[in-house]
Amino acid sequence: MYCKNCGNELNENAVACMSCGFAKGDGSKFCANCGKEINPGAAICTNCGAAVTAAKVAVGGEQKSKLVAVLLAFFLGSIGIHDFYLGYTKYGIIKIVLTVCTGVGGGIWALIDFIRLLVGSLDKDANGVELKKEF
């Protein structure tokens, strides 16, 4: 396995690259399979044919809970608490401002997010990690 940031070989048990300090799996300049430089935005490595992009996994913790996000959106959605939980800080701040300024502006948006969480169109956190489905 190779570092996706600098292309140096990684120990299979390594958490981070000893050369550049990037976490294992972070970076997009080099193929993790062969260590050769890849084209920006490429889906596969032109050298070895390995897939370049893969599903993101939670690093440094567990997946966020879909149930918690739904409950936060229902009860505290107008002030964007579910957005902060999912890592969408900018949207959370906007909802707080809308609610303070208009009284209901953030609530309408929160209702939409609540429905999106229930039907599954909002199923990832801000880092692209899929929400843990518990119901």
C-alpha atoms as a PDB file:
ATOM      1  CA  MET A   1       0.000   0.000   0.000  1.00  0.00           C
ATOM      2  CA  TYR A   2       1.183   3.499  -0.835  1.00  0.00           C
ATOM      3  CA  CYS A   3       0.475   6.979   0.530  1.00  0.00           C
ATOM      4  CA  LYS A   4      -2.130   8.760  -1.600  1.00  0.00           C
ATOM      5  CA  ASN A   5      -0.493  12.119  -0.812  1.00  0.00           C
ATOM      6  CA  CYS A   6       3.225  11.512  -1.463  1.00  0.00           C
ATOM      7  CA  GLY A   7       3.400   8.042  -3.089  1.00  0.00           C
ATOM      8  CA  ASN A   8       5.772   6.502  -0.529  1.00  0.00           C
ATOM      9  CA  GLU A   9       5.212   2.915   0.581  1.00  0.00           C
ATOM     10  CA  LEU A  10       3.185   2.473   3.794  1.00  0.00           C
ATOM     11  CA  ASN A  11       3.345  -0.235   6.396  1.00  0.00           C
ATOM     12  CA  GLU A  12       0.025  -2.093   6.293  1.00  0.00           C
ATOM     13  CA  ASN A  13      -0.562  -1.347  10.004  1.00  0.00           C
ATOM     14  CA  ALA A  14       0.353   2.345   9.700  1.00  0.00           C
ATOM     15  CA  VAL A  15      -2.170   4.980  10.685  1.00  0.00           C
ATOM     16  CA  ALA A  16      -0.311   7.785   8.909  1.00  0.00           C
ATOM     17  CA  CYS A  17       2.495   8.216   6.389  1.00  0.00           C
ATOM     18  CA  MET A  18       5.878   8.648   8.061  1.00  0.00           C
ATOM     19  CA  SER A  19       7.107  10.787   5.124  1.00  0.00           C
ATOM     20  CA  CYS A  20       4.370  13.416   4.832  1.00  0.00           C
ATOM     21  CA  GLY A  21       2.216  12.883   7.949  1.00  0.00           C
ATOM     22  CA  PHE A  22      -1.071  12.421   6.061  1.00  0.00           C
ATOM     23  CA  ALA A  23      -3.537   9.906   7.494  1.00  0.00           C
ATOM     24  CA  LYS A  24      -3.670   6.568   5.723  1.00  0.00           C
ATOM     25  CA  GLY A  25      -6.122   6.926   2.828  1.00  0.00           C
ATOM     26  CA  ASP A  26      -5.972  10.743   2.733  1.00  0.00           C
ATOM     27  CA  GLY A  27      -4.713  12.512  -0.340  1.00  0.00           C
ATOM     28  CA  SER A  28      -5.479  12.237  -4.028  1.00  0.00           C
ATOM     29  CA  LYS A  29      -2.174  12.669  -5.872  1.00  0.00           C
ATOM     30  CA  PHE A  30      -0.964   9.057  -5.941  1.00  0.00           C
ATOM     31  CA  CYS A  31      -2.475   5.593  -6.356  1.00  0.00           C
ATOM     32  CA  ALA A  32      -2.736   3.666  -3.072  1.00  0.00           C
ATOM     33  CA  ASN A  33      -2.273   0.398  -4.989  1.00  0.00           C
ATOM     34  CA  CYS A  34       0.886   1.076  -7.054  1.00  0.00           C
ATOM     35  CA  GLY A  35       2.179   4.441  -5.766  1.00  0.00           C
ATOM     36  CA  LYS A  36       2.238   6.103  -9.202  1.00  0.00           C
ATOM     37  CA  GLU A  37       0.981   9.665  -9.746  1.00  0.00           C
ATOM     38  CA  ILE A  38      -2.636   9.861 -10.911  1.00  0.00           C
ATOM     39  CA  ASN A  39      -4.550  12.459 -12.875  1.00  0.00           C
ATOM     40  CA  PRO A  40      -6.662  14.834 -10.751  1.00  0.00           C
ATOM     41  CA  GLY A  41     -10.270  13.625 -10.560  1.00  0.00           C
ATOM     42  CA  ALA A  42      -9.493  10.244 -12.155  1.00  0.00           C
ATOM     43  CA  ALA A  43     -11.723   7.303 -11.232  1.00  0.00           C
ATOM     44  CA  ILE A  44      -9.041   4.671 -11.916  1.00  0.00           C
ATOM     45  CA  CYS A  45      -5.239   4.573 -11.943  1.00  0.00           C
ATOM     46  CA  THR A  46      -3.975   4.520 -15.543  1.00  0.00           C
ATOM     47  CA  ASN A  47      -0.910   2.542 -14.413  1.00  0.00           C
ATOM     48  CA  CYS A  48      -2.501  -0.405 -12.591  1.00  0.00           C
ATOM     49  CA  GLY A  49      -6.259   0.008 -13.172  1.00  0.00           C
ATOM     50  CA  ALA A  50      -7.137   0.155  -9.471  1.00  0.00           C
ATOM     51  CA  ALA A  51     -10.121   2.256  -8.406  1.00  0.00           C
ATOM     52  CA  VAL A  52      -8.909   5.612  -7.094  1.00  0.00           C
ATOM     53  CA  THR A  53     -12.053   6.719  -5.288  1.00  0.00           C
ATOM     54  CA  ALA A  54     -13.640   4.551  -2.641  1.00  0.00           C
ATOM     55  CA  ALA A  55     -16.404   4.936  -0.118  1.00  0.00           C
ATOM     56  CA  LYS A  56     -15.249   7.108   2.757  1.00  0.00           C
ATOM     57  CA  VAL A  57     -15.084   5.571   6.192  1.00  0.00           C
ATOM     58  CA  ALA A  58     -15.277   7.261   9.536  1.00  0.00           C
ATOM     59  CA  VAL A  59     -11.826   8.216  10.808  1.00  0.00           C
ATOM     60  CA  GLY A  60     -11.277   8.872  14.490  1.00  0.00           C
ATOM     61  CA  GLY A  61     -14.749   7.794  15.501  1.00  0.00           C
ATOM     62  CA  GLU A  62     -17.923   6.063  14.496  1.00  0.00           C
ATOM     63  CA  GLN A  63     -20.488   6.898  11.867  1.00  0.00           C
ATOM     64  CA  LYS A  64     -23.037   9.493  12.825  1.00  0.00           C
ATOM     65  CA  SER A  65     -26.446   8.105  13.722  1.00  0.00           C
ATOM     66  CA  LYS A  66     -29.331   8.749  11.326  1.00  0.00           C
ATOM     67  CA  LEU A  67     -31.789   8.402  14.233  1.00  0.00           C
ATOM     68  CA  VAL A  68     -30.015  11.111  16.248  1.00  0.00           C
ATOM     69  CA  ALA A  69     -29.948  13.394  13.190  1.00  0.00           C
ATOM     70  CA  VAL A  70     -33.694  12.866  12.605  1.00  0.00           C
ATOM     71  CA  LEU A  71     -34.541  13.602  16.242  1.00  0.00           C
ATOM     72  CA  LEU A  72     -32.332  16.693  16.319  1.00  0.00           C
ATOM     73  CA  ALA A  73     -33.889  17.945  13.063  1.00  0.00           C
ATOM     74  CA  PHE A  74     -37.405  17.438  14.471  1.00  0.00           C
ATOM     75  CA  PHE A  75     -36.905  18.970  17.908  1.00  0.00           C
ATOM     76  CA  LEU A  76     -34.079  21.507  17.388  1.00  0.00           C
ATOM     77  CA  GLY A  77     -33.939  21.852  13.615  1.00  0.00           C
ATOM     78  CA  SER A  78     -34.942  25.505  13.454  1.00  0.00           C
ATOM     79  CA  ILE A  79     -31.677  26.437  15.155  1.00  0.00           C
ATOM     80  CA  GLY A  80     -29.673  23.977  13.024  1.00  0.00           C
ATOM     81  CA  ILE A  81     -28.492  21.600  15.743  1.00  0.00           C
ATOM     82  CA  HIS A  82     -28.735  18.621  13.369  1.00  0.00           C
ATOM     83  CA  ASP A  83     -26.490  20.497  10.910  1.00  0.00           C
ATOM     84  CA  PHE A  84     -23.821  20.974  13.583  1.00  0.00           C
ATOM     85  CA  TYR A  85     -24.127  17.276  14.484  1.00  0.00           C
ATOM     86  CA  LEU A  86     -23.611  16.263  10.840  1.00  0.00           C
ATOM     87  CA  GLY A  87     -20.747  18.737  10.335  1.00  0.00           C
ATOM     88  CA  TYR A  88     -22.623  21.254   8.168  1.00  0.00           C
ATOM     89  CA  THR A  89     -21.619  24.203  10.366  1.00  0.00           C
ATOM     90  CA  LYS A  90     -22.296  26.891   7.748  1.00  0.00           C
ATOM     91  CA  TYR A  91     -25.904  25.724   7.304  1.00  0.00           C
ATOM     92  CA  GLY A  92     -26.401  25.569  11.069  1.00  0.00           C
ATOM     93  CA  ILE A  93     -25.259  29.169  11.474  1.00  0.00           C
ATOM     94  CA  ILE A  94     -27.518  30.291   8.619  1.00  0.00           C
ATOM     95  CA  LYS A  95     -30.518  28.583  10.270  1.00  0.00           C
ATOM     96  CA  ILE A  96     -29.786  30.267  13.601  1.00  0.00           C
ATOM     97  CA  VAL A  97     -29.604  33.676  11.904  1.00  0.00           C
ATOM     98  CA  LEU A  98     -32.804  33.034   9.913  1.00  0.00           C
ATOM     99  CA  THR A  99     -34.688  31.934  13.011  1.00  0.00           C
ATOM    100  CA  VAL A 100     -33.504  34.906  15.076  1.00  0.00           C
ATOM    101  CA  CYS A 101     -34.249  37.419  12.296  1.00  0.00           C
ATOM    102  CA  THR A 102     -37.529  36.033  10.958  1.00  0.00           C
ATOM    103  CA  GLY A 103     -38.791  33.754  13.683  1.00  0.00           C
ATOM    104  CA  VAL A 104     -39.583  30.850  11.349  1.00  0.00           C
ATOM    105  CA  GLY A 105     -37.093  30.938   8.443  1.00  0.00           C
ATOM    106  CA  GLY A 106     -34.846  28.185   9.775  1.00  0.00           C
ATOM    107  CA  GLY A 107     -37.848  26.071  10.773  1.00  0.00           C
ATOM    108  CA  ILE A 108     -39.042  25.637   7.197  1.00  0.00           C
ATOM    109  CA  TRP A 109     -35.567  24.568   6.114  1.00  0.00           C
ATOM    110  CA  ALA A 110     -35.369  22.200   9.107  1.00  0.00           C
ATOM    111  CA  LEU A 111     -38.667  20.578   8.099  1.00  0.00           C
ATOM    112  CA  ILE A 112     -37.245  19.961   4.635  1.00  0.00           C
ATOM    113  CA  ASP A 113     -34.076  18.446   6.168  1.00  0.00           C
ATOM    114  CA  PHE A 114     -36.233  16.286   8.475  1.00  0.00           C
ATOM    115  CA  ILE A 115     -38.112  14.895   5.473  1.00  0.00           C
ATOM    116  CA  ARG A 116     -34.863  14.412   3.514  1.00  0.00           C
ATOM    117  CA  LEU A 117     -33.398  12.431   6.422  1.00  0.00           C
ATOM    118  CA  LEU A 118     -36.499  10.229   6.604  1.00  0.00           C
ATOM    119  CA  VAL A 119     -36.649   9.443   2.883  1.00  0.00           C
ATOM    120  CA  GLY A 120     -32.879   8.970   2.568  1.00  0.00           C
ATOM    121  CA  SER A 121     -31.874  11.800   0.245  1.00  0.00           C
ATOM    122  CA  LEU A 122     -29.767  13.230   3.101  1.00  0.00           C
ATOM    123  CA  ASP A 123     -27.761  10.154   4.061  1.00  0.00           C
ATOM    124  CA  LYS A 124     -24.161  11.384   4.521  1.00  0.00           C
ATOM    125  CA  ASP A 125     -22.420  13.707   6.932  1.00  0.00           C
ATOM    126  CA  ALA A 126     -20.278  16.669   5.824  1.00  0.00           C
ATOM    127  CA  ASN A 127     -17.259  14.366   5.349  1.00  0.00           C
ATOM    128  CA  GLY A 128     -19.181  12.102   2.987  1.00  0.00           C
ATOM    129  CA  VAL A 129     -19.443   9.275   5.512  1.00  0.00           C
ATOM    130  CA  GLU A 130     -22.752   7.413   5.282  1.00  0.00           C
ATOM    131  CA  LEU A 131     -25.055   7.758   8.287  1.00  0.00           C
ATOM    132  CA  LYS A 132     -25.558   4.683  10.458  1.00  0.00           C
ATOM    133  CA  LYS A 133     -29.105   3.413   9.838  1.00  0.00           C
ATOM    134  CA  GLU A 134     -30.712   2.346  13.093  1.00  0.00           C
ATOM    135  CA  PHE A 135     -34.379   2.286  12.094  1.00  0.00           C
END
